[in-house]
Amino acid sequence: MRSNSGPPFNTTSGGTWIRFMGSGGTIIPLSSPSRNHCGTDTTGWLNGRLPKKIGIIVNESICFASGSDECLISLQASVLCCIGNFYIYFLSPVSICNPRYCTT
């Protein structure tokens, strides 16, 4: 899944596990991306750390930056380190207009 394809993950029906793949990036950035990084001015980034060991899940926060506010909204997320050196994320729906979970 690319960060710039399809609609933002702002549905109202629970979260889901997601693996990001392709040229849009495979991980959610660990610092606030630049404005319009993924086609919106409300960009999501991981305010925490990635797990270092396979099979370990960490629970962190996703911040959504907008304008000069790097963490306008914060949501809980889980990140799992998988065999093959990739991550999957449990991401929740976002209750504001035009957010996107960004990737790098």
C-alpha atoms as a PDB file:
ATOM      1  CA  MET A   1       0.000   0.000   0.000  1.00  0.00           C
ATOM      2  CA  ARG A   2       1.377   3.386  -0.917  1.00  0.00           C
ATOM      3  CA  SER A   3       0.880   6.410   1.266  1.00  0.00           C
ATOM      4  CA  ASN A   4      -0.406   8.481  -1.629  1.00  0.00           C
ATOM      5  CA  SER A   5      -2.922   6.037  -3.109  1.00  0.00           C
ATOM      6  CA  GLY A   6      -6.560   5.664  -2.188  1.00  0.00           C
ATOM      7  CA  PRO A   7      -8.559   7.567   0.388  1.00  0.00           C
ATOM      8  CA  PRO A   8      -7.250   8.434   3.841  1.00  0.00           C
ATOM      9  CA  PHE A   9      -7.931   5.913   6.600  1.00  0.00           C
ATOM     10  CA  ASN A  10     -10.738   7.926   8.153  1.00  0.00           C
ATOM     11  CA  THR A  11     -13.543   5.373   8.231  1.00  0.00           C
ATOM     12  CA  THR A  12     -15.674   5.020  11.326  1.00  0.00           C
ATOM     13  CA  SER A  13     -15.519   1.234  11.712  1.00  0.00           C
ATOM     14  CA  GLY A  14     -12.594   0.258  13.963  1.00  0.00           C
ATOM     15  CA  GLY A  15      -8.926  -0.150  13.183  1.00  0.00           C
ATOM     16  CA  THR A  16      -7.006  -2.642  11.080  1.00  0.00           C
ATOM     17  CA  TRP A  17      -3.511  -4.125  10.662  1.00  0.00           C
ATOM     18  CA  ILE A  18      -1.697  -2.609   7.677  1.00  0.00           C
ATOM     19  CA  ARG A  19       1.605  -3.361   5.938  1.00  0.00           C
ATOM     20  CA  PHE A  20       2.902  -0.539   3.770  1.00  0.00           C
ATOM     21  CA  MET A  21       4.693  -1.592   0.580  1.00  0.00           C
ATOM     22  CA  GLY A  22       5.977   0.020  -2.598  1.00  0.00           C
ATOM     23  CA  SER A  23       7.497   3.281  -3.691  1.00  0.00           C
ATOM     24  CA  GLY A  24       5.378   5.345  -1.277  1.00  0.00           C
ATOM     25  CA  GLY A  25       7.436   3.991   1.621  1.00  0.00           C
ATOM     26  CA  THR A  26       7.263   1.107   4.073  1.00  0.00           C
ATOM     27  CA  ILE A  27       7.382   2.762   7.488  1.00  0.00           C
ATOM     28  CA  ILE A  28       5.509   5.564   9.190  1.00  0.00           C
ATOM     29  CA  PRO A  29       8.052   8.346   9.846  1.00  0.00           C
ATOM     30  CA  LEU A  30       9.396   8.822  13.367  1.00  0.00           C
ATOM     31  CA  SER A  31       9.244  12.612  13.143  1.00  0.00           C
ATOM     32  CA  SER A  32       6.740  15.064  11.765  1.00  0.00           C
ATOM     33  CA  PRO A  33       6.914  15.145   7.947  1.00  0.00           C
ATOM     34  CA  SER A  34       6.764  18.327   5.943  1.00  0.00           C
ATOM     35  CA  ARG A  35       3.392  19.834   5.098  1.00  0.00           C
ATOM     36  CA  ASN A  36       1.630  18.068   2.197  1.00  0.00           C
ATOM     37  CA  HIS A  37       4.087  15.149   2.476  1.00  0.00           C
ATOM     38  CA  CYS A  38       1.358  12.668   1.578  1.00  0.00           C
ATOM     39  CA  GLY A  39      -1.117  14.828  -0.236  1.00  0.00           C
ATOM     40  CA  THR A  40      -2.758  16.409   2.786  1.00  0.00           C
ATOM     41  CA  ASP A  41      -1.994  19.082   5.337  1.00  0.00           C
ATOM     42  CA  THR A  42      -2.881  16.723   8.232  1.00  0.00           C
ATOM     43  CA  THR A  43      -0.072  14.160   8.207  1.00  0.00           C
ATOM     44  CA  GLY A  44       0.343  11.190  10.545  1.00  0.00           C
ATOM     45  CA  TRP A  45       3.684  10.167  12.041  1.00  0.00           C
ATOM     46  CA  LEU A  46       4.820   7.737  14.776  1.00  0.00           C
ATOM     47  CA  ASN A  47       5.613   9.559  18.010  1.00  0.00           C
ATOM     48  CA  GLY A  48       7.557   6.687  19.528  1.00  0.00           C
ATOM     49  CA  ARG A  49       9.826   3.839  18.520  1.00  0.00           C
ATOM     50  CA  LEU A  50       9.751   0.798  16.278  1.00  0.00           C
ATOM     51  CA  PRO A  51      10.183  -2.669  17.815  1.00  0.00           C
ATOM     52  CA  LYS A  52      13.667  -4.100  17.301  1.00  0.00           C
ATOM     53  CA  LYS A  53      12.929  -7.814  17.737  1.00  0.00           C
ATOM     54  CA  ILE A  54      10.785 -10.055  15.538  1.00  0.00           C
ATOM     55  CA  GLY A  55       7.417 -10.858  17.074  1.00  0.00           C
ATOM     56  CA  ILE A  56       7.465  -7.920  19.473  1.00  0.00           C
ATOM     57  CA  ILE A  57       4.565  -5.464  19.477  1.00  0.00           C
ATOM     58  CA  VAL A  58       5.028  -1.937  20.796  1.00  0.00           C
ATOM     59  CA  ASN A  59       2.153   0.402  21.600  1.00  0.00           C
ATOM     60  CA  GLU A  60       2.882   3.986  20.644  1.00  0.00           C
ATOM     61  CA  SER A  61       1.121   7.165  19.574  1.00  0.00           C
ATOM     62  CA  ILE A  62       0.465   8.450  16.089  1.00  0.00           C
ATOM     63  CA  CYS A  63       0.454  12.233  15.931  1.00  0.00           C
ATOM     64  CA  PHE A  64      -1.279  14.139  13.169  1.00  0.00           C
ATOM     65  CA  ALA A  65       0.516  17.348  12.308  1.00  0.00           C
ATOM     66  CA  SER A  66      -1.312  20.308  10.811  1.00  0.00           C
ATOM     67  CA  GLY A  67       0.217  23.704  10.165  1.00  0.00           C
ATOM     68  CA  SER A  68       2.592  24.582  12.996  1.00  0.00           C
ATOM     69  CA  ASP A  69       1.022  22.019  15.389  1.00  0.00           C
ATOM     70  CA  GLU A  70       3.083  18.803  15.196  1.00  0.00           C
ATOM     71  CA  CYS A  71       0.537  16.850  17.262  1.00  0.00           C
ATOM     72  CA  LEU A  72      -2.917  18.295  16.640  1.00  0.00           C
ATOM     73  CA  ILE A  73      -4.456  14.871  17.378  1.00  0.00           C
ATOM     74  CA  SER A  74      -2.847  11.797  18.945  1.00  0.00           C
ATOM     75  CA  LEU A  75      -4.128   8.223  18.512  1.00  0.00           C
ATOM     76  CA  GLN A  76      -2.880   4.941  19.913  1.00  0.00           C
ATOM     77  CA  ALA A  77      -1.280   2.500  17.463  1.00  0.00           C
ATOM     78  CA  SER A  78       0.518  -0.837  17.667  1.00  0.00           C
ATOM     79  CA  VAL A  79       3.566  -1.828  15.625  1.00  0.00           C
ATOM     80  CA  LEU A  80       4.737  -5.423  15.055  1.00  0.00           C
ATOM     81  CA  CYS A  81       8.198  -6.372  13.760  1.00  0.00           C
ATOM     82  CA  CYS A  82       7.872  -9.288  11.311  1.00  0.00           C
ATOM     83  CA  ILE A  83      10.189 -11.935   9.849  1.00  0.00           C
ATOM     84  CA  GLY A  84      11.700 -10.444   6.707  1.00  0.00           C
ATOM     85  CA  ASN A  85      12.537  -7.119   8.354  1.00  0.00           C
ATOM     86  CA  PHE A  86       9.247  -5.283   7.870  1.00  0.00           C
ATOM     87  CA  TYR A  87       6.599  -3.799  10.139  1.00  0.00           C
ATOM     88  CA  ILE A  88       2.837  -3.977  10.306  1.00  0.00           C
ATOM     89  CA  TYR A  89       0.792  -1.328  12.056  1.00  0.00           C
ATOM     90  CA  PHE A  90      -2.565  -1.468  13.818  1.00  0.00           C
ATOM     91  CA  LEU A  91      -4.065   1.886  12.891  1.00  0.00           C
ATOM     92  CA  SER A  92      -7.265   3.442  14.139  1.00  0.00           C
ATOM     93  CA  PRO A  93      -9.752   5.539  12.191  1.00  0.00           C
ATOM     94  CA  VAL A  94      -9.198   9.276  12.385  1.00  0.00           C
ATOM     95  CA  SER A  95     -12.097  11.530  13.332  1.00  0.00           C
ATOM     96  CA  ILE A  96     -10.980  14.691  11.529  1.00  0.00           C
ATOM     97  CA  CYS A  97     -11.194  15.654   7.852  1.00  0.00           C
ATOM     98  CA  ASN A  98      -8.435  14.839   5.347  1.00  0.00           C
ATOM     99  CA  PRO A  99      -5.882  13.030   7.551  1.00  0.00           C
ATOM    100  CA  ARG A 100      -3.395  10.529   6.178  1.00  0.00           C
ATOM    101  CA  TYR A 101      -1.039   8.103   7.790  1.00  0.00           C
ATOM    102  CA  CYS A 102       2.218   9.002   6.008  1.00  0.00           C
ATOM    103  CA  THR A 103       5.044   6.672   5.041  1.00  0.00           C
ATOM    104  CA  THR A 104       8.686   7.074   4.074  1.00  0.00           C
END
